[in-house]
Amino acid sequence: MGFLGTVASLYADLTLVDQITGFIILFSASVYAKRKDLSKHFKLARIAVFLGVVTLIWMAYSLILHFLTGALFLDIYGALLIVHAAVGSLALFAGVSFAFDRLIRKTINPMRIVFLLWIAALFLGIIFYISYYNVLDLI
């Protein structure tokens, strides 16, 4: 049992907490961008991307495990996991590109799109966590 009180593993719980923390940091970075404090914006955005890359290790393991057990093809959880992985991969790839000044120009529209992708990936991940680990049954 994980520390959040579900049957999820400790790694799944830590991944969820890490992703939520990374999103809060990314949101804080956007506040600094609006205030025109770009040095703090860039530092916080890089921290958020780093947290995303760290949690990708567990999430990739989980995706491979679901794939190998055939769970990706059996139910709604598999479809949700695939969509979450696709959206999250896009968001993380673009975030890394921004963080290391590669491939994508740092302009407001691409950054907003990546921010929205990050929100969508986080939302899908939370929905997966709640449904897969039966969080609502515990309440």
N, C-alpha and C. Protein backbone atom coordinates (compact mmCIF):
# COMPACT_ATOMS: atom_id res chain seq x y z
N MET A 1 0.85 -1.18 0.00
CA MET A 1 0.00 0.00 0.00
C MET A 1 0.89 1.24 0.00
N GLY A 2 0.54 2.19 -0.85
CA GLY A 2 1.29 3.42 -0.94
C GLY A 2 0.96 4.37 0.20
N PHE A 3 1.73 5.42 0.31
CA PHE A 3 1.53 6.35 1.42
C PHE A 3 0.30 7.23 1.24
N LEU A 4 -0.30 7.25 0.06
CA LEU A 4 -1.52 8.03 -0.13
C LEU A 4 -2.77 7.22 0.24
N GLY A 5 -2.58 6.02 0.79
CA GLY A 5 -3.69 5.23 1.28
C GLY A 5 -4.36 4.34 0.24
N THR A 6 -3.77 4.20 -0.92
CA THR A 6 -4.33 3.34 -1.96
C THR A 6 -3.49 2.08 -2.09
N VAL A 7 -3.91 1.21 -2.97
CA VAL A 7 -3.13 -0.01 -3.23
C VAL A 7 -1.98 0.27 -4.20
N ALA A 8 -1.84 1.50 -4.59
CA ALA A 8 -0.76 1.88 -5.50
C ALA A 8 0.59 1.67 -4.81
N SER A 9 1.60 1.43 -5.62
CA SER A 9 2.94 1.25 -5.07
C SER A 9 3.49 2.60 -4.61
N LEU A 10 4.53 2.54 -3.83
CA LEU A 10 5.18 3.75 -3.37
C LEU A 10 5.66 4.58 -4.56
N TYR A 11 6.18 3.91 -5.60
CA TYR A 11 6.67 4.62 -6.78
C TYR A 11 5.54 5.34 -7.52
N ALA A 12 4.38 4.71 -7.60
CA ALA A 12 3.24 5.36 -8.25
C ALA A 12 2.82 6.59 -7.46
N ASP A 13 2.80 6.47 -6.14
CA ASP A 13 2.45 7.63 -5.30
C ASP A 13 3.47 8.75 -5.44
N LEU A 14 4.74 8.38 -5.40
CA LEU A 14 5.79 9.39 -5.53
C LEU A 14 5.75 10.06 -6.90
N THR A 15 5.45 9.30 -7.93
CA THR A 15 5.34 9.86 -9.27
C THR A 15 4.21 10.88 -9.34
N LEU A 16 3.08 10.53 -8.75
CA LEU A 16 1.94 11.46 -8.73
C LEU A 16 2.28 12.74 -7.99
N VAL A 17 2.87 12.59 -6.82
CA VAL A 17 3.24 13.78 -6.02
C VAL A 17 4.29 14.60 -6.77
N ASP A 18 5.26 13.93 -7.38
CA ASP A 18 6.32 14.61 -8.12
C ASP A 18 5.75 15.38 -9.31
N GLN A 19 4.82 14.77 -10.03
CA GLN A 19 4.22 15.45 -11.18
C GLN A 19 3.38 16.66 -10.75
N ILE A 20 2.63 16.52 -9.66
CA ILE A 20 1.85 17.65 -9.17
C ILE A 20 2.78 18.77 -8.70
N THR A 21 3.86 18.40 -8.02
CA THR A 21 4.86 19.39 -7.59
C THR A 21 5.48 20.08 -8.80
N GLY A 22 5.84 19.30 -9.81
CA GLY A 22 6.41 19.87 -11.03
C GLY A 22 5.46 20.82 -11.71
N PHE A 23 4.17 20.48 -11.71
CA PHE A 23 3.19 21.37 -12.33
C PHE A 23 3.06 22.67 -11.54
N ILE A 24 3.06 22.58 -10.22
CA ILE A 24 2.98 23.80 -9.40
C ILE A 24 4.20 24.68 -9.66
N ILE A 25 5.37 24.06 -9.78
CA ILE A 25 6.58 24.82 -10.10
C ILE A 25 6.47 25.44 -11.48
N LEU A 26 5.96 24.69 -12.45
CA LEU A 26 5.78 25.23 -13.80
C LEU A 26 4.79 26.39 -13.82
N PHE A 27 3.72 26.25 -13.05
CA PHE A 27 2.75 27.33 -12.96
C PHE A 27 3.40 28.57 -12.34
N SER A 28 4.22 28.37 -11.31
CA SER A 28 4.95 29.49 -10.70
C SER A 28 5.89 30.13 -11.73
N ALA A 29 6.49 29.32 -12.57
CA ALA A 29 7.37 29.85 -13.61
C ALA A 29 6.59 30.74 -14.56
N SER A 30 5.35 30.36 -14.87
CA SER A 30 4.54 31.19 -15.77
C SER A 30 4.18 32.53 -15.12
N VAL A 31 4.02 32.52 -13.81
CA VAL A 31 3.75 33.78 -13.09
C VAL A 31 4.96 34.70 -13.22
N TYR A 32 6.16 34.15 -13.05
CA TYR A 32 7.37 34.97 -13.20
C TYR A 32 7.53 35.47 -14.63
N ALA A 33 7.10 34.69 -15.60
CA ALA A 33 7.18 35.15 -17.00
C ALA A 33 6.28 36.35 -17.21
N LYS A 34 5.09 36.32 -16.62
CA LYS A 34 4.17 37.45 -16.76
C LYS A 34 4.72 38.70 -16.08
N ARG A 35 5.50 38.50 -15.02
CA ARG A 35 6.13 39.63 -14.30
C ARG A 35 7.41 40.09 -14.98
N LYS A 36 7.77 39.43 -16.08
CA LYS A 36 8.97 39.74 -16.86
C LYS A 36 10.27 39.42 -16.11
N ASP A 37 10.20 38.53 -15.12
CA ASP A 37 11.38 38.05 -14.42
C ASP A 37 11.81 36.73 -15.06
N LEU A 38 12.46 36.86 -16.22
CA LEU A 38 12.74 35.68 -17.04
C LEU A 38 13.79 34.76 -16.45
N SER A 39 14.71 35.28 -15.65
CA SER A 39 15.72 34.39 -15.07
C SER A 39 15.06 33.40 -14.09
N LYS A 40 14.15 33.87 -13.25
CA LYS A 40 13.43 32.97 -12.34
C LYS A 40 12.50 32.04 -13.14
N HIS A 41 11.90 32.57 -14.19
CA HIS A 41 11.02 31.76 -15.04
C HIS A 41 11.80 30.58 -15.61
N PHE A 42 12.97 30.85 -16.19
CA PHE A 42 13.76 29.79 -16.81
C PHE A 42 14.24 28.76 -15.78
N LYS A 43 14.68 29.24 -14.60
CA LYS A 43 15.14 28.32 -13.56
C LYS A 43 14.01 27.39 -13.11
N LEU A 44 12.86 27.95 -12.82
CA LEU A 44 11.74 27.14 -12.35
C LEU A 44 11.25 26.19 -13.44
N ALA A 45 11.20 26.65 -14.67
CA ALA A 45 10.77 25.78 -15.77
C ALA A 45 11.73 24.61 -15.94
N ARG A 46 13.02 24.86 -15.79
CA ARG A 46 13.99 23.77 -15.90
C ARG A 46 13.84 22.77 -14.76
N ILE A 47 13.53 23.24 -13.57
CA ILE A 47 13.29 22.33 -12.44
C ILE A 47 12.06 21.46 -12.73
N ALA A 48 11.00 22.07 -13.24
CA ALA A 48 9.79 21.33 -13.57
C ALA A 48 10.07 20.26 -14.63
N VAL A 49 10.83 20.61 -15.63
CA VAL A 49 11.18 19.64 -16.68
C VAL A 49 12.04 18.52 -16.11
N PHE A 50 12.97 18.86 -15.23
CA PHE A 50 13.80 17.84 -14.59
C PHE A 50 12.93 16.85 -13.82
N LEU A 51 11.97 17.36 -13.04
CA LEU A 51 11.07 16.48 -12.30
C LEU A 51 10.27 15.59 -13.26
N GLY A 52 9.87 16.14 -14.39
CA GLY A 52 9.15 15.35 -15.39
C GLY A 52 10.00 14.23 -15.95
N VAL A 53 11.26 14.50 -16.21
CA VAL A 53 12.16 13.48 -16.74
C VAL A 53 12.40 12.38 -15.69
N VAL A 54 12.57 12.79 -14.43
CA VAL A 54 12.78 11.81 -13.37
C VAL A 54 11.58 10.87 -13.25
N THR A 55 10.39 11.41 -13.27
CA THR A 55 9.20 10.56 -13.13
C THR A 55 8.94 9.74 -14.39
N LEU A 56 9.49 10.15 -15.50
CA LEU A 56 9.33 9.38 -16.73
C LEU A 56 9.92 7.97 -16.57
N ILE A 57 10.93 7.84 -15.76
CA ILE A 57 11.56 6.53 -15.55
C ILE A 57 10.53 5.54 -15.01
N TRP A 58 9.81 5.92 -13.95
CA TRP A 58 8.80 5.02 -13.39
C TRP A 58 7.65 4.83 -14.37
N MET A 59 7.23 5.92 -15.00
CA MET A 59 6.08 5.81 -15.90
C MET A 59 6.39 4.93 -17.10
N ALA A 60 7.61 5.00 -17.63
CA ALA A 60 7.99 4.14 -18.75
C ALA A 60 8.00 2.68 -18.31
N TYR A 61 8.50 2.41 -17.12
CA TYR A 61 8.48 1.05 -16.57
C TYR A 61 7.03 0.56 -16.46
N SER A 62 6.15 1.39 -15.94
CA SER A 62 4.74 1.03 -15.78
C SER A 62 4.09 0.77 -17.13
N LEU A 63 4.38 1.62 -18.12
CA LEU A 63 3.81 1.43 -19.45
C LEU A 63 4.29 0.12 -20.07
N ILE A 64 5.57 -0.17 -19.94
CA ILE A 64 6.11 -1.42 -20.48
C ILE A 64 5.49 -2.62 -19.77
N LEU A 65 5.35 -2.53 -18.45
CA LEU A 65 4.73 -3.62 -17.69
C LEU A 65 3.29 -3.86 -18.15
N HIS A 66 2.53 -2.77 -18.34
CA HIS A 66 1.15 -2.92 -18.83
C HIS A 66 1.12 -3.51 -20.23
N PHE A 67 2.07 -3.12 -21.06
CA PHE A 67 2.14 -3.63 -22.42
C PHE A 67 2.45 -5.13 -22.41
N LEU A 68 3.43 -5.51 -21.61
CA LEU A 68 3.84 -6.92 -21.59
C LEU A 68 2.76 -7.83 -21.02
N THR A 69 1.97 -7.33 -20.09
CA THR A 69 0.91 -8.16 -19.52
C THR A 69 -0.34 -8.15 -20.39
N GLY A 70 -0.34 -7.36 -21.44
CA GLY A 70 -1.49 -7.29 -22.33
C GLY A 70 -2.58 -6.37 -21.84
N ALA A 71 -2.35 -5.69 -20.74
CA ALA A 71 -3.39 -4.84 -20.15
C ALA A 71 -3.71 -3.62 -21.01
N LEU A 72 -2.81 -3.25 -21.90
CA LEU A 72 -3.08 -2.08 -22.73
C LEU A 72 -4.20 -2.32 -23.72
N PHE A 73 -4.50 -3.57 -23.98
CA PHE A 73 -5.48 -3.88 -25.02
C PHE A 73 -6.80 -4.42 -24.47
N LEU A 74 -6.91 -4.52 -23.17
CA LEU A 74 -8.06 -5.20 -22.60
C LEU A 74 -9.16 -4.27 -22.11
N ASP A 75 -8.83 -3.07 -21.70
CA ASP A 75 -9.84 -2.25 -21.04
C ASP A 75 -9.60 -0.76 -21.24
N ILE A 76 -10.44 0.02 -20.62
CA ILE A 76 -10.36 1.48 -20.73
C ILE A 76 -9.09 2.02 -20.09
N TYR A 77 -8.55 1.32 -19.08
CA TYR A 77 -7.32 1.78 -18.43
C TYR A 77 -6.16 1.81 -19.42
N GLY A 78 -6.11 0.81 -20.28
CA GLY A 78 -5.05 0.76 -21.27
C GLY A 78 -5.14 1.91 -22.26
N ALA A 79 -6.36 2.19 -22.72
CA ALA A 79 -6.54 3.30 -23.65
C ALA A 79 -6.19 4.63 -22.98
N LEU A 80 -6.62 4.78 -21.74
CA LEU A 80 -6.31 6.00 -20.99
C LEU A 80 -4.80 6.14 -20.80
N LEU A 81 -4.14 5.05 -20.51
CA LEU A 81 -2.70 5.07 -20.31
C LEU A 81 -1.97 5.44 -21.60
N ILE A 82 -2.44 4.92 -22.73
CA ILE A 82 -1.80 5.24 -24.01
C ILE A 82 -1.97 6.72 -24.35
N VAL A 83 -3.17 7.25 -24.16
CA VAL A 83 -3.40 8.67 -24.44
C VAL A 83 -2.57 9.54 -23.50
N HIS A 84 -2.53 9.17 -22.22
CA HIS A 84 -1.72 9.90 -21.24
C HIS A 84 -0.25 9.88 -21.65
N ALA A 85 0.24 8.71 -22.06
CA ALA A 85 1.64 8.58 -22.46
C ALA A 85 1.95 9.42 -23.69
N ALA A 86 1.05 9.44 -24.65
CA ALA A 86 1.28 10.22 -25.88
C ALA A 86 1.30 11.72 -25.58
N VAL A 87 0.30 12.18 -24.86
CA VAL A 87 0.23 13.62 -24.54
C VAL A 87 1.39 14.02 -23.64
N GLY A 88 1.68 13.19 -22.64
CA GLY A 88 2.78 13.48 -21.73
C GLY A 88 4.13 13.49 -22.42
N SER A 89 4.33 12.56 -23.35
CA SER A 89 5.59 12.52 -24.09
C SER A 89 5.77 13.77 -24.94
N LEU A 90 4.70 14.18 -25.59
CA LEU A 90 4.76 15.43 -26.37
C LEU A 90 5.10 16.61 -25.47
N ALA A 91 4.42 16.72 -24.33
CA ALA A 91 4.67 17.83 -23.41
C ALA A 91 6.10 17.80 -22.89
N LEU A 92 6.57 16.61 -22.52
CA LEU A 92 7.92 16.51 -21.96
C LEU A 92 8.98 16.76 -23.01
N PHE A 93 8.79 16.24 -24.22
CA PHE A 93 9.76 16.49 -25.30
C PHE A 93 9.85 17.99 -25.59
N ALA A 94 8.70 18.64 -25.69
CA ALA A 94 8.70 20.08 -25.94
C ALA A 94 9.30 20.84 -24.76
N GLY A 95 8.99 20.40 -23.53
CA GLY A 95 9.56 21.05 -22.35
C GLY A 95 11.07 20.94 -22.32
N VAL A 96 11.58 19.77 -22.66
CA VAL A 96 13.04 19.59 -22.71
C VAL A 96 13.63 20.48 -23.81
N SER A 97 12.94 20.57 -24.94
CA SER A 97 13.42 21.43 -26.03
C SER A 97 13.49 22.89 -25.58
N PHE A 98 12.49 23.32 -24.84
CA PHE A 98 12.51 24.69 -24.31
C PHE A 98 13.61 24.86 -23.26
N ALA A 99 13.72 23.89 -22.35
CA ALA A 99 14.66 24.01 -21.24
C ALA A 99 16.11 24.07 -21.72
N PHE A 100 16.40 23.39 -22.81
CA PHE A 100 17.77 23.36 -23.30
C PHE A 100 17.94 24.15 -24.60
N ASP A 101 16.98 25.04 -24.87
CA ASP A 101 17.05 25.94 -26.02
C ASP A 101 17.30 25.21 -27.33
N ARG A 102 16.53 24.16 -27.57
CA ARG A 102 16.68 23.37 -28.78
C ARG A 102 15.35 23.27 -29.53
N LEU A 103 15.41 23.20 -30.81
CA LEU A 103 14.33 22.86 -31.73
C LEU A 103 13.15 23.84 -31.76
N ILE A 104 12.65 24.28 -30.64
CA ILE A 104 11.45 25.13 -30.62
C ILE A 104 11.84 26.52 -30.13
N ARG A 105 11.41 27.53 -30.87
CA ARG A 105 11.68 28.91 -30.44
C ARG A 105 10.83 29.25 -29.23
N LYS A 106 11.44 29.96 -28.30
CA LYS A 106 10.73 30.35 -27.08
C LYS A 106 9.88 31.58 -27.36
N THR A 107 8.69 31.33 -27.84
CA THR A 107 7.72 32.41 -28.01
C THR A 107 6.47 32.03 -27.24
N ILE A 108 5.60 32.97 -27.05
CA ILE A 108 4.48 32.78 -26.14
C ILE A 108 3.50 31.69 -26.59
N ASN A 109 3.20 31.60 -27.87
CA ASN A 109 2.22 30.61 -28.33
C ASN A 109 2.70 29.17 -28.16
N PRO A 110 3.92 28.82 -28.59
CA PRO A 110 4.38 27.45 -28.34
C PRO A 110 4.46 27.12 -26.84
N MET A 111 4.85 28.10 -26.03
CA MET A 111 4.93 27.85 -24.59
C MET A 111 3.54 27.61 -24.00
N ARG A 112 2.56 28.34 -24.47
CA ARG A 112 1.19 28.11 -24.00
C ARG A 112 0.69 26.74 -24.41
N ILE A 113 1.02 26.33 -25.62
CA ILE A 113 0.59 25.01 -26.10
C ILE A 113 1.22 23.92 -25.24
N VAL A 114 2.50 24.05 -24.94
CA VAL A 114 3.18 23.05 -24.11
C VAL A 114 2.59 23.05 -22.70
N PHE A 115 2.29 24.22 -22.17
CA PHE A 115 1.67 24.31 -20.85
C PHE A 115 0.32 23.60 -20.84
N LEU A 116 -0.47 23.80 -21.88
CA LEU A 116 -1.77 23.11 -21.99
C LEU A 116 -1.59 21.60 -22.15
N LEU A 117 -0.58 21.19 -22.89
CA LEU A 117 -0.29 19.75 -23.01
C LEU A 117 0.10 19.16 -21.66
N TRP A 118 0.87 19.93 -20.89
CA TRP A 118 1.28 19.46 -19.57
C TRP A 118 0.06 19.31 -18.66
N ILE A 119 -0.85 20.29 -18.73
CA ILE A 119 -2.09 20.22 -17.94
C ILE A 119 -2.90 18.98 -18.35
N ALA A 120 -3.02 18.76 -19.66
CA ALA A 120 -3.79 17.61 -20.15
C ALA A 120 -3.15 16.29 -19.68
N ALA A 121 -1.83 16.19 -19.78
CA ALA A 121 -1.14 14.97 -19.36
C ALA A 121 -1.31 14.75 -17.85
N LEU A 122 -1.20 15.81 -17.08
CA LEU A 122 -1.38 15.69 -15.63
C LEU A 122 -2.81 15.26 -15.30
N PHE A 123 -3.77 15.88 -15.95
CA PHE A 123 -5.18 15.56 -15.72
C PHE A 123 -5.46 14.09 -16.07
N LEU A 124 -4.97 13.65 -17.22
CA LEU A 124 -5.15 12.25 -17.63
C LEU A 124 -4.46 11.29 -16.66
N GLY A 125 -3.28 11.68 -16.18
CA GLY A 125 -2.56 10.85 -15.22
C GLY A 125 -3.31 10.73 -13.90
N ILE A 126 -3.89 11.83 -13.44
CA ILE A 126 -4.67 11.80 -12.20
C ILE A 126 -5.92 10.94 -12.39
N ILE A 127 -6.58 11.08 -13.53
CA ILE A 127 -7.75 10.24 -13.80
C ILE A 127 -7.36 8.76 -13.82
N PHE A 128 -6.23 8.45 -14.46
CA PHE A 128 -5.76 7.06 -14.48
C PHE A 128 -5.48 6.57 -13.07
N TYR A 129 -4.79 7.37 -12.28
CA TYR A 129 -4.46 6.98 -10.90
C TYR A 129 -5.73 6.72 -10.09
N ILE A 130 -6.68 7.65 -10.18
CA ILE A 130 -7.93 7.52 -9.42
C ILE A 130 -8.71 6.28 -9.85
N SER A 131 -8.82 6.06 -11.15
CA SER A 131 -9.62 4.94 -11.62
C SER A 131 -8.90 3.60 -11.47
N TYR A 132 -7.63 3.55 -11.79
CA TYR A 132 -6.89 2.29 -11.75
C TYR A 132 -6.69 1.78 -10.33
N TYR A 133 -6.43 2.70 -9.42
CA TYR A 133 -6.19 2.30 -8.03
C TYR A 133 -7.44 2.43 -7.16
N ASN A 134 -8.59 2.59 -7.78
CA ASN A 134 -9.89 2.61 -7.09
C ASN A 134 -9.91 3.58 -5.90
N VAL A 135 -9.45 4.78 -6.12
CA VAL A 135 -9.39 5.78 -5.06
C VAL A 135 -10.78 6.12 -4.57
N LEU A 136 -11.74 6.19 -5.46
CA LEU A 136 -13.10 6.58 -5.06
C LEU A 136 -13.76 5.52 -4.18
N ASP A 137 -13.32 4.27 -4.28
CA ASP A 137 -13.88 3.22 -3.43
C ASP A 137 -13.41 3.37 -1.99
N LEU A 138 -12.31 4.08 -1.79
CA LEU A 138 -11.75 4.24 -0.44
C LEU A 138 -12.45 5.35 0.35
N ILE A 139 -13.16 6.21 -0.37
CA ILE A 139 -13.79 7.36 0.29
C ILE A 139 -15.12 6.97 0.90
